[in-house]
Amino acid sequence: MKIQTAPSPDGCASSRSSLGLKSLRSEAGLGLEQISDATKINMNFLRAIENEEFHLLPGGIFTISYLRQYAEAIGCDAGELLEAAGCGLRKPPVSEGRDGPESSTGRRSETGILRIF
């Protein structure tokens, strides 16, 4: 299923468009309780997602995880939902630290030293 944005009821261009998540869930034949049982996401957070009240979610990685799990549960593209919710994943800039740049595998270069005390 693809997330469709509908024009906002007041017709104002600056208002956020509705994502229609509740209707997508209904089309998938799922109830909120089923999604909550499968994902272990609190019902209040699921309601916030459907009502597009993303500010009520706990934030950070939790919000991203909840939105991904919800999208997968109703058969939608998680990337589209994250983008529509303003949670687009951006890669952090690569910076050279004291130990030099990280390798392409994400591990420290040979010059990095790990000390365990």
N, C-alpha and C. Protein backbone atom coordinates (compact mmCIF):
# COMPACT_ATOMS: atom_id res chain seq x y z
N MET A 1 0.83 -1.19 0.00
CA MET A 1 0.00 0.00 0.00
C MET A 1 0.87 1.24 0.00
N LYS A 2 0.41 2.24 -0.64
CA LYS A 2 1.13 3.49 -0.73
C LYS A 2 0.40 4.53 0.12
N ILE A 3 1.16 5.32 0.85
CA ILE A 3 0.57 6.37 1.66
C ILE A 3 0.14 7.51 0.75
N GLN A 4 -1.11 7.88 0.83
CA GLN A 4 -1.65 8.95 0.03
C GLN A 4 -1.89 10.15 0.93
N THR A 5 -1.48 11.31 0.48
CA THR A 5 -1.78 12.52 1.24
C THR A 5 -2.99 13.18 0.62
N ALA A 6 -3.92 13.55 1.49
CA ALA A 6 -5.13 14.23 1.06
C ALA A 6 -5.02 15.69 1.47
N PRO A 7 -5.64 16.59 0.69
CA PRO A 7 -5.58 18.00 1.08
C PRO A 7 -6.20 18.20 2.45
N SER A 8 -5.68 19.18 3.17
CA SER A 8 -6.22 19.46 4.49
C SER A 8 -7.63 20.02 4.36
N PRO A 9 -8.49 19.80 5.37
CA PRO A 9 -9.89 20.22 5.29
C PRO A 9 -10.08 21.72 5.09
N ASP A 10 -9.18 22.54 5.63
CA ASP A 10 -9.36 23.98 5.52
C ASP A 10 -8.82 24.53 4.20
N GLY A 11 -8.19 23.67 3.40
CA GLY A 11 -7.69 24.09 2.11
C GLY A 11 -6.45 24.94 2.16
N CYS A 12 -5.90 25.13 3.33
CA CYS A 12 -4.72 25.98 3.50
C CYS A 12 -3.49 25.21 3.06
N ALA A 13 -2.70 25.80 2.22
CA ALA A 13 -1.51 25.12 1.69
C ALA A 13 -0.47 24.88 2.77
N SER A 14 -0.45 25.71 3.81
CA SER A 14 0.57 25.55 4.83
C SER A 14 0.21 24.49 5.85
N SER A 15 -1.03 24.05 5.87
CA SER A 15 -1.43 23.01 6.81
C SER A 15 -0.95 21.66 6.31
N ARG A 16 -0.67 20.77 7.25
CA ARG A 16 -0.22 19.44 6.88
C ARG A 16 -1.37 18.65 6.28
N SER A 17 -1.09 17.86 5.27
CA SER A 17 -2.09 17.02 4.65
C SER A 17 -2.30 15.77 5.47
N SER A 18 -3.48 15.19 5.35
CA SER A 18 -3.78 13.96 6.07
C SER A 18 -3.16 12.78 5.35
N LEU A 19 -2.62 11.86 6.12
CA LEU A 19 -1.99 10.66 5.55
C LEU A 19 -2.97 9.51 5.40
N GLY A 20 -4.10 9.57 6.08
CA GLY A 20 -5.10 8.51 5.97
C GLY A 20 -4.65 7.19 6.54
N LEU A 21 -3.88 7.23 7.62
CA LEU A 21 -3.34 5.99 8.19
C LEU A 21 -4.42 5.07 8.74
N LYS A 22 -5.43 5.66 9.38
CA LYS A 22 -6.50 4.84 9.96
C LYS A 22 -7.22 4.05 8.86
N SER A 23 -7.50 4.70 7.74
CA SER A 23 -8.19 4.00 6.66
C SER A 23 -7.30 2.94 6.02
N LEU A 24 -5.99 3.20 5.93
CA LEU A 24 -5.08 2.17 5.42
C LEU A 24 -5.06 0.95 6.33
N ARG A 25 -5.07 1.20 7.65
CA ARG A 25 -5.10 0.08 8.61
C ARG A 25 -6.39 -0.70 8.46
N SER A 26 -7.51 0.02 8.31
CA SER A 26 -8.81 -0.65 8.14
C SER A 26 -8.83 -1.49 6.87
N GLU A 27 -8.27 -0.94 5.78
CA GLU A 27 -8.20 -1.68 4.51
C GLU A 27 -7.37 -2.95 4.67
N ALA A 28 -6.37 -2.91 5.54
CA ALA A 28 -5.54 -4.09 5.79
C ALA A 28 -6.24 -5.09 6.69
N GLY A 29 -7.41 -4.70 7.23
CA GLY A 29 -8.17 -5.60 8.10
C GLY A 29 -7.59 -5.77 9.47
N LEU A 30 -6.90 -4.75 9.97
CA LEU A 30 -6.25 -4.83 11.27
C LEU A 30 -6.86 -3.85 12.26
N GLY A 31 -6.89 -4.26 13.50
CA GLY A 31 -7.30 -3.38 14.59
C GLY A 31 -6.07 -2.87 15.32
N LEU A 32 -6.24 -1.78 16.04
CA LEU A 32 -5.11 -1.25 16.80
C LEU A 32 -4.60 -2.25 17.82
N GLU A 33 -5.52 -3.00 18.43
CA GLU A 33 -5.11 -3.99 19.43
C GLU A 33 -4.22 -5.06 18.81
N GLN A 34 -4.52 -5.46 17.58
CA GLN A 34 -3.70 -6.46 16.89
C GLN A 34 -2.29 -5.91 16.64
N ILE A 35 -2.22 -4.66 16.22
CA ILE A 35 -0.92 -4.05 15.96
C ILE A 35 -0.15 -3.90 17.27
N SER A 36 -0.85 -3.50 18.32
CA SER A 36 -0.20 -3.35 19.63
C SER A 36 0.33 -4.69 20.13
N ASP A 37 -0.45 -5.74 19.97
CA ASP A 37 0.00 -7.07 20.39
C ASP A 37 1.21 -7.53 19.59
N ALA A 38 1.21 -7.26 18.30
CA ALA A 38 2.30 -7.72 17.44
C ALA A 38 3.58 -6.91 17.63
N THR A 39 3.43 -5.60 17.86
CA THR A 39 4.60 -4.72 17.93
C THR A 39 5.01 -4.35 19.34
N LYS A 40 4.12 -4.57 20.30
CA LYS A 40 4.33 -4.17 21.70
C LYS A 40 4.38 -2.64 21.87
N ILE A 41 3.79 -1.93 20.92
CA ILE A 41 3.70 -0.48 21.02
C ILE A 41 2.44 -0.14 21.79
N ASN A 42 2.55 0.77 22.75
CA ASN A 42 1.43 1.21 23.56
C ASN A 42 0.31 1.74 22.68
N MET A 43 -0.94 1.43 23.06
CA MET A 43 -2.12 1.88 22.29
C MET A 43 -2.16 3.40 22.15
N ASN A 44 -1.76 4.12 23.18
CA ASN A 44 -1.79 5.59 23.11
C ASN A 44 -0.84 6.10 22.03
N PHE A 45 0.31 5.45 21.88
CA PHE A 45 1.24 5.85 20.84
C PHE A 45 0.70 5.49 19.45
N LEU A 46 0.03 4.35 19.34
CA LEU A 46 -0.57 3.98 18.05
C LEU A 46 -1.66 4.98 17.66
N ARG A 47 -2.46 5.40 18.63
CA ARG A 47 -3.49 6.42 18.35
C ARG A 47 -2.85 7.73 17.91
N ALA A 48 -1.76 8.10 18.56
CA ALA A 48 -1.05 9.33 18.20
C ALA A 48 -0.53 9.23 16.76
N ILE A 49 -0.03 8.07 16.37
CA ILE A 49 0.45 7.89 15.00
C ILE A 49 -0.70 8.06 14.02
N GLU A 50 -1.82 7.40 14.27
CA GLU A 50 -2.96 7.49 13.36
C GLU A 50 -3.54 8.89 13.29
N ASN A 51 -3.50 9.60 14.40
CA ASN A 51 -4.02 10.98 14.43
C ASN A 51 -2.97 12.00 13.98
N GLU A 52 -1.81 11.49 13.58
CA GLU A 52 -0.71 12.32 13.11
C GLU A 52 -0.26 13.34 14.16
N GLU A 53 -0.32 12.91 15.40
CA GLU A 53 0.14 13.72 16.53
C GLU A 53 1.52 13.21 16.95
N PHE A 54 2.45 13.34 16.04
CA PHE A 54 3.78 12.75 16.21
C PHE A 54 4.53 13.37 17.39
N HIS A 55 4.14 14.57 17.78
CA HIS A 55 4.78 15.21 18.94
C HIS A 55 4.48 14.49 20.24
N LEU A 56 3.46 13.61 20.25
CA LEU A 56 3.11 12.85 21.46
C LEU A 56 3.95 11.58 21.60
N LEU A 57 4.70 11.25 20.58
CA LEU A 57 5.56 10.07 20.63
C LEU A 57 6.81 10.39 21.45
N PRO A 58 7.49 9.37 21.96
CA PRO A 58 8.61 9.60 22.87
C PRO A 58 9.82 10.30 22.26
N GLY A 59 9.95 10.29 20.95
CA GLY A 59 11.04 11.01 20.31
C GLY A 59 12.21 10.12 19.96
N GLY A 60 13.12 10.69 19.18
CA GLY A 60 14.35 10.01 18.82
C GLY A 60 14.14 8.70 18.11
N ILE A 61 14.97 7.74 18.46
CA ILE A 61 14.94 6.42 17.82
C ILE A 61 13.63 5.69 18.11
N PHE A 62 12.97 6.01 19.23
CA PHE A 62 11.69 5.37 19.55
C PHE A 62 10.63 5.75 18.52
N THR A 63 10.56 7.03 18.19
CA THR A 63 9.58 7.48 17.20
C THR A 63 9.84 6.82 15.86
N ILE A 64 11.08 6.79 15.44
CA ILE A 64 11.43 6.17 14.16
C ILE A 64 11.05 4.69 14.18
N SER A 65 11.37 4.01 15.26
CA SER A 65 11.05 2.59 15.37
C SER A 65 9.54 2.36 15.36
N TYR A 66 8.79 3.16 16.11
CA TYR A 66 7.34 2.99 16.17
C TYR A 66 6.71 3.22 14.81
N LEU A 67 7.16 4.25 14.11
CA LEU A 67 6.60 4.54 12.78
C LEU A 67 6.94 3.43 11.79
N ARG A 68 8.15 2.92 11.85
CA ARG A 68 8.53 1.81 10.97
C ARG A 68 7.68 0.58 11.24
N GLN A 69 7.55 0.22 12.50
CA GLN A 69 6.78 -0.97 12.86
C GLN A 69 5.32 -0.83 12.45
N TYR A 70 4.76 0.36 12.68
CA TYR A 70 3.36 0.60 12.31
C TYR A 70 3.19 0.45 10.80
N ALA A 71 4.08 1.08 10.03
CA ALA A 71 3.99 1.02 8.57
C ALA A 71 4.09 -0.42 8.09
N GLU A 72 5.03 -1.17 8.63
CA GLU A 72 5.19 -2.57 8.22
C GLU A 72 3.96 -3.39 8.59
N ALA A 73 3.36 -3.10 9.74
CA ALA A 73 2.19 -3.85 10.18
C ALA A 73 1.00 -3.64 9.25
N ILE A 74 0.84 -2.43 8.71
CA ILE A 74 -0.31 -2.18 7.83
C ILE A 74 0.05 -2.33 6.35
N GLY A 75 1.30 -2.72 6.08
CA GLY A 75 1.71 -3.00 4.71
C GLY A 75 2.07 -1.77 3.90
N CYS A 76 2.54 -0.73 4.56
CA CYS A 76 2.95 0.50 3.87
C CYS A 76 4.46 0.63 3.86
N ASP A 77 4.95 1.51 3.01
CA ASP A 77 6.38 1.77 2.93
C ASP A 77 6.80 2.62 4.14
N ALA A 78 7.68 2.08 4.95
CA ALA A 78 8.12 2.77 6.17
C ALA A 78 8.84 4.07 5.83
N GLY A 79 9.62 4.08 4.76
CA GLY A 79 10.34 5.29 4.37
C GLY A 79 9.40 6.43 4.04
N GLU A 80 8.30 6.12 3.36
CA GLU A 80 7.31 7.15 3.03
C GLU A 80 6.68 7.73 4.29
N LEU A 81 6.35 6.85 5.26
CA LEU A 81 5.74 7.33 6.49
C LEU A 81 6.73 8.18 7.28
N LEU A 82 7.98 7.76 7.36
CA LEU A 82 8.99 8.54 8.07
C LEU A 82 9.17 9.91 7.42
N GLU A 83 9.18 9.93 6.10
CA GLU A 83 9.34 11.20 5.40
C GLU A 83 8.13 12.11 5.63
N ALA A 84 6.93 11.54 5.55
CA ALA A 84 5.72 12.32 5.75
C ALA A 84 5.62 12.85 7.17
N ALA A 85 6.17 12.09 8.13
CA ALA A 85 6.13 12.51 9.53
C ALA A 85 7.26 13.45 9.88
N GLY A 86 8.15 13.70 8.93
CA GLY A 86 9.27 14.60 9.19
C GLY A 86 10.42 13.92 9.92
N CYS A 87 10.48 12.59 9.81
CA CYS A 87 11.54 11.83 10.49
C CYS A 87 12.51 11.24 9.49
N GLY A 88 12.73 11.93 8.39
CA GLY A 88 13.64 11.41 7.37
C GLY A 88 14.99 11.12 7.98
N LEU A 89 15.52 9.98 7.64
CA LEU A 89 16.81 9.60 8.19
C LEU A 89 17.91 10.27 7.39
N ARG A 90 18.71 11.03 8.06
CA ARG A 90 19.84 11.69 7.41
C ARG A 90 21.11 11.06 7.93
N LYS A 91 22.04 10.82 7.03
CA LYS A 91 23.31 10.28 7.45
C LYS A 91 24.11 11.39 8.12
N PRO A 92 24.71 11.11 9.26
CA PRO A 92 25.53 12.14 9.90
C PRO A 92 26.77 12.39 9.06
N PRO A 93 27.26 13.62 9.08
CA PRO A 93 28.46 13.91 8.30
C PRO A 93 29.65 13.12 8.83
N VAL A 94 30.51 12.69 7.93
CA VAL A 94 31.71 11.96 8.32
C VAL A 94 32.71 12.98 8.81
N SER A 95 33.22 12.75 10.00
CA SER A 95 34.21 13.68 10.53
C SER A 95 35.43 12.89 10.96
N GLU A 96 36.56 13.53 10.83
CA GLU A 96 37.79 12.89 11.26
C GLU A 96 37.97 13.18 12.73
N GLY A 97 38.04 12.13 13.48
CA GLY A 97 38.27 12.27 14.92
C GLY A 97 39.75 12.21 15.22
N ARG A 98 40.06 12.09 16.48
CA ARG A 98 41.44 12.01 16.92
C ARG A 98 42.15 10.79 16.33
N ASP A 99 41.38 9.72 16.10
CA ASP A 99 41.95 8.47 15.61
C ASP A 99 41.89 8.34 14.09
N GLY A 100 41.50 9.38 13.39
CA GLY A 100 41.41 9.33 11.93
C GLY A 100 40.02 8.95 11.50
N PRO A 101 39.80 8.96 10.20
CA PRO A 101 38.47 8.65 9.68
C PRO A 101 38.14 7.18 9.84
N GLU A 102 36.83 6.91 9.88
CA GLU A 102 36.40 5.53 9.94
C GLU A 102 36.52 4.92 8.56
N SER A 103 36.72 3.63 8.54
CA SER A 103 36.81 2.94 7.26
C SER A 103 35.43 2.82 6.65
N SER A 104 35.36 2.35 5.42
CA SER A 104 34.08 2.22 4.73
C SER A 104 33.20 1.16 5.38
N THR A 105 33.75 0.30 6.21
CA THR A 105 32.96 -0.73 6.89
C THR A 105 32.36 -0.21 8.19
N GLY A 106 32.68 1.03 8.56
CA GLY A 106 32.15 1.59 9.78
C GLY A 106 33.01 1.31 11.00
N ARG A 107 34.14 0.65 10.80
CA ARG A 107 35.04 0.36 11.91
C ARG A 107 36.15 1.39 11.95
N ARG A 108 36.77 1.49 13.07
CA ARG A 108 37.89 2.42 13.18
C ARG A 108 39.05 1.97 12.31
N SER A 109 39.82 2.94 11.87
CA SER A 109 40.99 2.62 11.07
C SER A 109 42.03 1.92 11.94
N GLU A 110 43.03 1.40 11.30
CA GLU A 110 44.09 0.66 11.99
C GLU A 110 44.77 1.50 13.07
N THR A 111 44.72 2.82 12.94
CA THR A 111 45.41 3.67 13.91
C THR A 111 44.63 3.83 15.21
N GLY A 112 43.35 3.46 15.21
CA GLY A 112 42.53 3.61 16.42
C GLY A 112 42.94 2.60 17.48
N ILE A 113 42.99 3.03 18.72
CA ILE A 113 43.37 2.15 19.83
C ILE A 113 42.22 2.09 20.82
N LEU A 114 41.87 0.89 21.20
CA LEU A 114 40.80 0.70 22.17
C LEU A 114 41.44 0.22 23.45
N ARG A 115 41.22 0.96 24.51
CA ARG A 115 41.76 0.56 25.81
C ARG A 115 40.63 0.20 26.75
N ILE A 116 40.78 -0.92 27.39
CA ILE A 116 39.78 -1.36 28.36
C ILE A 116 40.46 -1.44 29.71
N PHE A 117 39.90 -0.72 30.66
CA PHE A 117 40.47 -0.70 32.01
C PHE A 117 39.67 -1.54 32.94
